[in-house]
C-alpha atoms as a PDB file:
ATOM      1  CA  UNK A   1       5.413  11.422 -14.392  1.00  0.00           C
ATOM      2  CA  UNK A   2       5.951  10.331 -10.959  1.00  0.00           C
ATOM      3  CA  UNK A   3       8.470   9.312  -8.593  1.00  0.00           C
ATOM      4  CA  UNK A   4       8.317   6.889  -5.326  1.00  0.00           C
ATOM      5  CA  UNK A   5      10.272   8.453  -2.363  1.00  0.00           C
ATOM      6  CA  UNK A   6      10.156   7.617   1.545  1.00  0.00           C
ATOM      7  CA  UNK A   7       7.419   9.528   3.281  1.00  0.00           C
ATOM      8  CA  UNK A   8       8.404  12.741   5.145  1.00  0.00           C
ATOM      9  CA  UNK A   9       6.137  14.919   7.628  1.00  0.00           C
ATOM     10  CA  UNK A  10       6.128  17.555   4.914  1.00  0.00           C
ATOM     11  CA  UNK A  11       3.648  15.149   2.671  1.00  0.00           C
ATOM     12  CA  UNK A  12       1.378  14.515   5.671  1.00  0.00           C
ATOM     13  CA  UNK A  13      -1.639  16.482   4.857  1.00  0.00           C
ATOM     14  CA  UNK A  14      -1.433  15.762   0.873  1.00  0.00           C
ATOM     15  CA  UNK A  15      -0.975  11.997   1.724  1.00  0.00           C
ATOM     16  CA  UNK A  16      -4.221  12.237   4.064  1.00  0.00           C
ATOM     17  CA  UNK A  17      -5.981  13.693   1.022  1.00  0.00           C
ATOM     18  CA  UNK A  18      -4.953  11.098  -1.565  1.00  0.00           C
ATOM     19  CA  UNK A  19      -5.913   8.124   1.218  1.00  0.00           C
ATOM     20  CA  UNK A  20      -9.350   9.744   1.667  1.00  0.00           C
ATOM     21  CA  UNK A  21     -10.105  10.434  -1.816  1.00  0.00           C
ATOM     22  CA  UNK A  22      -8.976   7.177  -2.968  1.00  0.00           C
ATOM     23  CA  UNK A  23     -11.196   5.227  -0.422  1.00  0.00           C
ATOM     24  CA  UNK A  24     -13.909   7.689  -1.495  1.00  0.00           C
ATOM     25  CA  UNK A  25     -13.456   6.763  -5.220  1.00  0.00           C
ATOM     26  CA  UNK A  26     -13.643   3.004  -4.032  1.00  0.00           C
ATOM     27  CA  UNK A  27     -17.000   3.209  -2.229  1.00  0.00           C
ATOM     28  CA  UNK A  28     -15.287   2.803   1.238  1.00  0.00           C
ATOM     29  CA  UNK A  29     -15.819   4.339   4.372  1.00  0.00           C
ATOM     30  CA  UNK A  30     -14.122   7.845   4.022  1.00  0.00           C
ATOM     31  CA  UNK A  31     -12.113   8.058   7.368  1.00  0.00           C
ATOM     32  CA  UNK A  32      -8.263   8.035   8.196  1.00  0.00           C
ATOM     33  CA  UNK A  33      -6.891   4.905   9.935  1.00  0.00           C
ATOM     34  CA  UNK A  34      -5.065   5.361  13.271  1.00  0.00           C
ATOM     35  CA  UNK A  35      -1.597   4.355  11.831  1.00  0.00           C
ATOM     36  CA  UNK A  36      -1.549   7.671   9.423  1.00  0.00           C
ATOM     37  CA  UNK A  37      -1.653   9.958  12.136  1.00  0.00           C
ATOM     38  CA  UNK A  38       2.072   8.970  13.036  1.00  0.00           C
ATOM     39  CA  UNK A  39       4.037   7.438  10.133  1.00  0.00           C
ATOM     40  CA  UNK A  40       7.181   7.523  11.980  1.00  0.00           C
ATOM     41  CA  UNK A  41       5.957   5.792  15.107  1.00  0.00           C
ATOM     42  CA  UNK A  42       3.827   3.245  13.205  1.00  0.00           C
ATOM     43  CA  UNK A  43       6.106   2.390  10.386  1.00  0.00           C
ATOM     44  CA  UNK A  44       9.631   3.719  10.756  1.00  0.00           C
ATOM     45  CA  UNK A  45      10.087   3.267  14.297  1.00  0.00           C
ATOM     46  CA  UNK A  46       9.106  -0.356  14.061  1.00  0.00           C
ATOM     47  CA  UNK A  47      11.741  -0.837  11.256  1.00  0.00           C
ATOM     48  CA  UNK A  48       8.757  -1.034   8.738  1.00  0.00           C
ATOM     49  CA  UNK A  49       8.755   1.413   5.700  1.00  0.00           C
ATOM     50  CA  UNK A  50       5.990   3.746   3.935  1.00  0.00           C
ATOM     51  CA  UNK A  51       6.732   5.046   0.289  1.00  0.00           C
ATOM     52  CA  UNK A  52       4.637   7.764  -1.380  1.00  0.00           C
ATOM     53  CA  UNK A  53       4.341   8.388  -4.970  1.00  0.00           C
ATOM     54  CA  UNK A  54       4.511  12.118  -6.017  1.00  0.00           C
ATOM     55  CA  UNK A  55       3.775  13.684  -9.228  1.00  0.00           C
ATOM     56  CA  UNK A  56       5.701  16.191 -11.187  1.00  0.00           C
ATOM     57  CA  UNK A  57       3.931  18.921  -8.997  1.00  0.00           C
ATOM     58  CA  UNK A  58       5.064  17.413  -5.751  1.00  0.00           C
ATOM     59  CA  UNK A  59       1.613  16.188  -4.900  1.00  0.00           C
ATOM     60  CA  UNK A  60       1.205  12.722  -3.398  1.00  0.00           C
ATOM     61  CA  UNK A  61      -0.930  10.379  -6.065  1.00  0.00           C
ATOM     62  CA  UNK A  62      -0.301   6.959  -4.153  1.00  0.00           C
ATOM     63  CA  UNK A  63       1.189   5.351  -1.304  1.00  0.00           C
ATOM     64  CA  UNK A  64       2.219   2.095   0.299  1.00  0.00           C
ATOM     65  CA  UNK A  65       3.538   0.821   3.479  1.00  0.00           C
ATOM     66  CA  UNK A  66       5.057  -2.203   5.219  1.00  0.00           C
ATOM     67  CA  UNK A  67       4.352  -4.291   8.330  1.00  0.00           C
ATOM     68  CA  UNK A  68       6.943  -7.328   9.120  1.00  0.00           C
ATOM     69  CA  UNK A  69       5.205  -9.847  11.254  1.00  0.00           C
ATOM     70  CA  UNK A  70       7.902 -11.873  11.612  1.00  0.00           C
ATOM     71  CA  UNK A  71      11.357 -12.414  10.102  1.00  0.00           C
ATOM     72  CA  UNK A  72       9.991 -14.299   6.878  1.00  0.00           C
ATOM     73  CA  UNK A  73       6.396 -12.296   6.797  1.00  0.00           C
ATOM     74  CA  UNK A  74       5.310  -9.063   5.874  1.00  0.00           C
ATOM     75  CA  UNK A  75       2.313  -7.411   5.504  1.00  0.00           C
ATOM     76  CA  UNK A  76       1.564  -4.601   2.920  1.00  0.00           C
ATOM     77  CA  UNK A  77      -0.897  -1.692   4.275  1.00  0.00           C
ATOM     78  CA  UNK A  78      -2.377   1.275   2.603  1.00  0.00           C
ATOM     79  CA  UNK A  79      -1.551   0.388  -1.062  1.00  0.00           C
ATOM     80  CA  UNK A  80      -4.019   3.362  -2.842  1.00  0.00           C
ATOM     81  CA  UNK A  81      -3.485   5.460  -5.815  1.00  0.00           C
ATOM     82  CA  UNK A  82      -5.479   8.786  -6.693  1.00  0.00           C
ATOM     83  CA  UNK A  83      -8.309   7.629  -8.793  1.00  0.00           C
ATOM     84  CA  UNK A  84      -7.220   9.830 -11.824  1.00  0.00           C
ATOM     85  CA  UNK A  85      -3.892   8.706 -11.478  1.00  0.00           C
ATOM     86  CA  UNK A  86      -4.705   4.853 -12.091  1.00  0.00           C
ATOM     87  CA  UNK A  87      -3.343   2.724 -14.762  1.00  0.00           C
ATOM     88  CA  UNK A  88      -0.347   4.901 -14.919  1.00  0.00           C
ATOM     89  CA  UNK A  89       2.089   2.199 -13.468  1.00  0.00           C
ATOM     90  CA  UNK A  90       1.968   3.874 -10.096  1.00  0.00           C
ATOM     91  CA  UNK A  91       0.822   1.020  -8.037  1.00  0.00           C
ATOM     92  CA  UNK A  92       3.070  -1.396  -9.648  1.00  0.00           C
ATOM     93  CA  UNK A  93       5.990   0.675  -9.061  1.00  0.00           C
ATOM     94  CA  UNK A  94       4.906   1.375  -5.268  1.00  0.00           C
ATOM     95  CA  UNK A  95       4.400  -2.597  -5.162  1.00  0.00           C
ATOM     96  CA  UNK A  96       7.859  -3.327  -6.537  1.00  0.00           C
ATOM     97  CA  UNK A  97       9.702  -0.689  -4.202  1.00  0.00           C
ATOM     98  CA  UNK A  98       7.969  -2.813  -1.171  1.00  0.00           C
ATOM     99  CA  UNK A  99       9.154  -5.888  -2.720  1.00  0.00           C
ATOM    100  CA  UNK A 100      12.534  -5.055  -3.260  1.00  0.00           C
ATOM    101  CA  UNK A 101      12.672  -4.057   0.202  1.00  0.00           C
ATOM    102  CA  UNK A 102      11.334  -7.296   1.611  1.00  0.00           C
ATOM    103  CA  UNK A 103      14.163  -9.003  -0.465  1.00  0.00           C
ATOM    104  CA  UNK A 104      16.689  -7.139   1.150  1.00  0.00           C
ATOM    105  CA  UNK A 105      15.175  -7.983   4.596  1.00  0.00           C
ATOM    106  CA  UNK A 106      15.043 -11.577   3.690  1.00  0.00           C
ATOM    107  CA  UNK A 107      11.402 -11.424   3.458  1.00  0.00           C
ATOM    108  CA  UNK A 108       9.806 -14.755   1.776  1.00  0.00           C
ATOM    109  CA  UNK A 109       6.137 -14.032   1.963  1.00  0.00           C
ATOM    110  CA  UNK A 110       4.397 -10.872   1.564  1.00  0.00           C
ATOM    111  CA  UNK A 111       0.641 -10.640   2.475  1.00  0.00           C
ATOM    112  CA  UNK A 112      -2.165  -8.437   1.808  1.00  0.00           C
ATOM    113  CA  UNK A 113      -5.981  -8.207   2.540  1.00  0.00           C
ATOM    114  CA  UNK A 114      -8.686  -6.019   0.742  1.00  0.00           C
ATOM    115  CA  UNK A 115     -12.625  -5.985   0.833  1.00  0.00           C
ATOM    116  CA  UNK A 116     -14.617  -7.217  -1.463  1.00  0.00           C
ATOM    117  CA  UNK A 117     -15.682  -4.042  -2.691  1.00  0.00           C
ATOM    118  CA  UNK A 118     -12.031  -3.176  -3.767  1.00  0.00           C
ATOM    119  CA  UNK A 119     -12.805  -4.860  -7.233  1.00  0.00           C
ATOM    120  CA  UNK A 120      -9.724  -3.585  -8.882  1.00  0.00           C
ATOM    121  CA  UNK A 121      -7.577  -5.223  -5.859  1.00  0.00           C
ATOM    122  CA  UNK A 122      -8.630  -8.591  -7.201  1.00  0.00           C
ATOM    123  CA  UNK A 123      -7.165  -8.248 -10.579  1.00  0.00           C
ATOM    124  CA  UNK A 124      -4.198  -6.266  -9.660  1.00  0.00           C
ATOM    125  CA  UNK A 125      -2.625  -8.410  -6.910  1.00  0.00           C
ATOM    126  CA  UNK A 126      -3.070 -11.904  -9.376  1.00  0.00           C
ATOM    127  CA  UNK A 127      -1.329  -9.868 -12.265  1.00  0.00           C
ATOM    128  CA  UNK A 128       1.601  -9.330  -9.978  1.00  0.00           C
ATOM    129  CA  UNK A 129       2.181 -12.779  -8.781  1.00  0.00           C
ATOM    130  CA  UNK A 130       0.028 -13.190  -6.090  1.00  0.00           C
ATOM    131  CA  UNK A 131      -2.270 -15.970  -5.061  1.00  0.00           C
ATOM    132  CA  UNK A 132      -5.340 -16.411  -2.833  1.00  0.00           C
ATOM    133  CA  UNK A 133      -5.180 -17.568   0.487  1.00  0.00           C
ATOM    134  CA  UNK A 134      -7.726 -18.300   3.121  1.00  0.00           C
ATOM    135  CA  UNK A 135     -10.122 -15.335   3.425  1.00  0.00           C
ATOM    136  CA  UNK A 136     -10.362 -13.433   6.487  1.00  0.00           C
ATOM    137  CA  UNK A 137     -14.179 -13.499   6.657  1.00  0.00           C
ATOM    138  CA  UNK A 138     -16.854 -13.516   4.170  1.00  0.00           C
ATOM    139  CA  UNK A 139     -16.336  -9.978   2.928  1.00  0.00           C
ATOM    140  CA  UNK A 140     -12.188  -9.762   3.071  1.00  0.00           C
ATOM    141  CA  UNK A 141      -9.913 -11.369   0.838  1.00  0.00           C
ATOM    142  CA  UNK A 142      -6.333 -12.411   1.620  1.00  0.00           C
ATOM    143  CA  UNK A 143      -3.397 -12.808  -0.995  1.00  0.00           C
ATOM    144  CA  UNK A 144       0.117 -13.858  -0.662  1.00  0.00           C
ATOM    145  CA  UNK A 145       3.380 -13.834  -2.509  1.00  0.00           C
ATOM    146  CA  UNK A 146       6.439 -15.702  -2.365  1.00  0.00           C
ATOM    147  CA  UNK A 147       9.612 -13.825  -3.160  1.00  0.00           C
END
């Protein structure tokens, strides 16, 4: 069981652990990204959002952020799930929360990008209605969803 909530500072360290653990399990470099050091100024103060999924023990098991780049376009950022919590609907619930938020804001196009080594993303995003767009580079895919 889990619930999706707006990020608050009390979850900072647990969110960091979830992020680093998920990256490590995906074979990615294990380092925090600059935006995660200050969610308030990097997301909320800019009119964007950041949600976390917490389990019945109030531990962070997933996350997703948004970054609006125009009145009609928004990027997803940091959609990560703890490895042992995958395939339980958490990523879908986080994504649906971001999509509902985008609809309320009048966003028409949601973007995401990910490295080729994130193999699960190649299956997840198309299943959620995203289509592949122009690649960012030879190792990075770009997907979009019209809403």
